[in-house]
Amino acid sequence: MLLAISALMMRAADPVHLWLLAGAAAVLVVAVAAVAAVVDVAAAAAGATLAWGLLIVAVSPAVLVVGYEAGGWRRTQEFVARASTAAV
């Protein structure tokens, strides 16, 4: 939601935001697969539990935070600087 608001405010979508969303979605798919695997007896014997699936879901927002902190903020800073000079 935050990335959508950013795109609306800047009146342009940043491709990096799409990659960040794809990464978070991939983590959620892994979580669903881990929880679905609990139904399988072999996977349950291997240690795939509901707790692990919930832990993965809880960690999925970290993909967005780490991606933004790793360099996404620079792109946002450049975009804001370009927008502010264009507005003047």
C-alpha atoms as a PDB file:
ATOM      1  CA  MET A   1       0.000   0.000   0.000  1.00  0.00           C
ATOM      2  CA  LEU A   2       2.830   2.363   0.852  1.00  0.00           C
ATOM      3  CA  LEU A   3       4.434   1.844  -2.546  1.00  0.00           C
ATOM      4  CA  ALA A   4       1.103   2.536  -4.273  1.00  0.00           C
ATOM      5  CA  ILE A   5       0.726   5.784  -2.346  1.00  0.00           C
ATOM      6  CA  SER A   6       4.274   6.741  -3.307  1.00  0.00           C
ATOM      7  CA  ALA A   7       3.524   6.076  -6.985  1.00  0.00           C
ATOM      8  CA  LEU A   8       0.366   8.190  -6.790  1.00  0.00           C
ATOM      9  CA  MET A   9       2.167  11.074  -5.099  1.00  0.00           C
ATOM     10  CA  MET A  10       5.055  11.009  -7.560  1.00  0.00           C
ATOM     11  CA  ARG A  11       2.715  10.424 -10.523  1.00  0.00           C
ATOM     12  CA  ALA A  12       5.052   7.702 -11.768  1.00  0.00           C
ATOM     13  CA  ALA A  13       5.793   4.119 -10.838  1.00  0.00           C
ATOM     14  CA  ASP A  14       9.318   3.109  -9.926  1.00  0.00           C
ATOM     15  CA  PRO A  15      10.370  -0.271 -11.368  1.00  0.00           C
ATOM     16  CA  VAL A  16      12.310  -1.010  -8.180  1.00  0.00           C
ATOM     17  CA  HIS A  17       9.035  -0.935  -6.263  1.00  0.00           C
ATOM     18  CA  LEU A  18       7.685  -3.670  -8.511  1.00  0.00           C
ATOM     19  CA  TRP A  19      10.753  -5.808  -7.775  1.00  0.00           C
ATOM     20  CA  LEU A  20      10.324  -5.212  -4.043  1.00  0.00           C
ATOM     21  CA  LEU A  21       6.678  -6.264  -4.247  1.00  0.00           C
ATOM     22  CA  ALA A  22       7.640  -9.353  -6.251  1.00  0.00           C
ATOM     23  CA  GLY A  23      10.193 -10.295  -3.600  1.00  0.00           C
ATOM     24  CA  ALA A  24       7.666  -9.934  -0.792  1.00  0.00           C
ATOM     25  CA  ALA A  25       5.125 -11.966  -2.775  1.00  0.00           C
ATOM     26  CA  ALA A  26       7.712 -14.698  -3.330  1.00  0.00           C
ATOM     27  CA  VAL A  27       8.329 -14.926   0.413  1.00  0.00           C
ATOM     28  CA  LEU A  28       4.580 -15.228   1.005  1.00  0.00           C
ATOM     29  CA  VAL A  29       4.351 -18.002  -1.590  1.00  0.00           C
ATOM     30  CA  VAL A  30       7.096 -19.875   0.274  1.00  0.00           C
ATOM     31  CA  ALA A  31       5.112 -19.434   3.503  1.00  0.00           C
ATOM     32  CA  VAL A  32       1.938 -20.808   1.920  1.00  0.00           C
ATOM     33  CA  ALA A  33       3.879 -23.731   0.503  1.00  0.00           C
ATOM     34  CA  ALA A  34       5.376 -24.450   3.926  1.00  0.00           C
ATOM     35  CA  VAL A  35       1.973 -24.386   5.612  1.00  0.00           C
ATOM     36  CA  ALA A  36       0.396 -26.478   2.846  1.00  0.00           C
ATOM     37  CA  ALA A  37       3.212 -28.977   3.232  1.00  0.00           C
ATOM     38  CA  VAL A  38       2.157 -29.574   6.843  1.00  0.00           C
ATOM     39  CA  VAL A  39      -0.768 -31.558   5.476  1.00  0.00           C
ATOM     40  CA  ASP A  40       1.709 -33.950   3.907  1.00  0.00           C
ATOM     41  CA  VAL A  41       2.917 -36.453   6.488  1.00  0.00           C
ATOM     42  CA  ALA A  42       6.438 -36.587   5.043  1.00  0.00           C
ATOM     43  CA  ALA A  43       6.810 -32.822   5.224  1.00  0.00           C
ATOM     44  CA  ALA A  44       5.499 -32.789   8.780  1.00  0.00           C
ATOM     45  CA  ALA A  45       8.087 -35.407   9.677  1.00  0.00           C
ATOM     46  CA  ALA A  46      10.764 -33.184   8.128  1.00  0.00           C
ATOM     47  CA  GLY A  47       9.842 -30.386  10.528  1.00  0.00           C
ATOM     48  CA  ALA A  48       7.577 -28.133   8.431  1.00  0.00           C
ATOM     49  CA  THR A  49       5.128 -26.777  10.972  1.00  0.00           C
ATOM     50  CA  LEU A  50       2.492 -24.103  11.039  1.00  0.00           C
ATOM     51  CA  ALA A  51       4.744 -22.061  13.311  1.00  0.00           C
ATOM     52  CA  TRP A  52       7.445 -21.943  10.626  1.00  0.00           C
ATOM     53  CA  GLY A  53       4.907 -20.837   8.035  1.00  0.00           C
ATOM     54  CA  LEU A  54       3.672 -18.053  10.305  1.00  0.00           C
ATOM     55  CA  LEU A  55       7.242 -16.992  11.018  1.00  0.00           C
ATOM     56  CA  ILE A  56       7.929 -16.691   7.301  1.00  0.00           C
ATOM     57  CA  VAL A  57       4.759 -14.615   6.854  1.00  0.00           C
ATOM     58  CA  ALA A  58       5.825 -12.346   9.703  1.00  0.00           C
ATOM     59  CA  VAL A  59       9.254 -11.820   8.133  1.00  0.00           C
ATOM     60  CA  SER A  60       7.952 -11.057   4.621  1.00  0.00           C
ATOM     61  CA  PRO A  61       7.713  -7.265   5.177  1.00  0.00           C
ATOM     62  CA  ALA A  62      11.437  -7.325   5.916  1.00  0.00           C
ATOM     63  CA  VAL A  63      12.029  -7.887   2.196  1.00  0.00           C
ATOM     64  CA  LEU A  64      10.577  -4.445   1.493  1.00  0.00           C
ATOM     65  CA  VAL A  65      12.479  -2.789   4.334  1.00  0.00           C
ATOM     66  CA  VAL A  66      15.834  -4.332   3.422  1.00  0.00           C
ATOM     67  CA  GLY A  67      15.345  -3.583  -0.275  1.00  0.00           C
ATOM     68  CA  TYR A  68      14.450   0.044   0.408  1.00  0.00           C
ATOM     69  CA  GLU A  69      17.279   0.544   2.877  1.00  0.00           C
ATOM     70  CA  ALA A  70      19.774  -1.126   0.537  1.00  0.00           C
ATOM     71  CA  GLY A  71      19.323   1.481  -2.142  1.00  0.00           C
ATOM     72  CA  GLY A  72      15.700   2.250  -2.843  1.00  0.00           C
ATOM     73  CA  TRP A  73      15.912   5.443  -0.829  1.00  0.00           C
ATOM     74  CA  ARG A  74      18.505   6.832  -3.267  1.00  0.00           C
ATOM     75  CA  ARG A  75      16.102   6.417  -6.171  1.00  0.00           C
ATOM     76  CA  THR A  76      13.343   8.107  -4.193  1.00  0.00           C
ATOM     77  CA  GLN A  77      15.670  10.954  -3.245  1.00  0.00           C
ATOM     78  CA  GLU A  78      16.646  11.481  -6.897  1.00  0.00           C
ATOM     79  CA  PHE A  79      13.014  11.349  -7.979  1.00  0.00           C
ATOM     80  CA  VAL A  80      11.963  13.922  -5.371  1.00  0.00           C
ATOM     81  CA  ALA A  81      14.852  16.189  -6.373  1.00  0.00           C
ATOM     82  CA  ARG A  82      13.829  16.007 -10.056  1.00  0.00           C
ATOM     83  CA  ALA A  83      10.190  16.632  -9.202  1.00  0.00           C
ATOM     84  CA  SER A  84      10.996  19.616  -6.989  1.00  0.00           C
ATOM     85  CA  THR A  85      13.212  21.261  -9.619  1.00  0.00           C
ATOM     86  CA  ALA A  86      10.536  20.683 -12.272  1.00  0.00           C
ATOM     87  CA  ALA A  87       7.902  22.280 -10.040  1.00  0.00           C
ATOM     88  CA  VAL A  88       9.933  25.476  -9.543  1.00  0.00           C
END
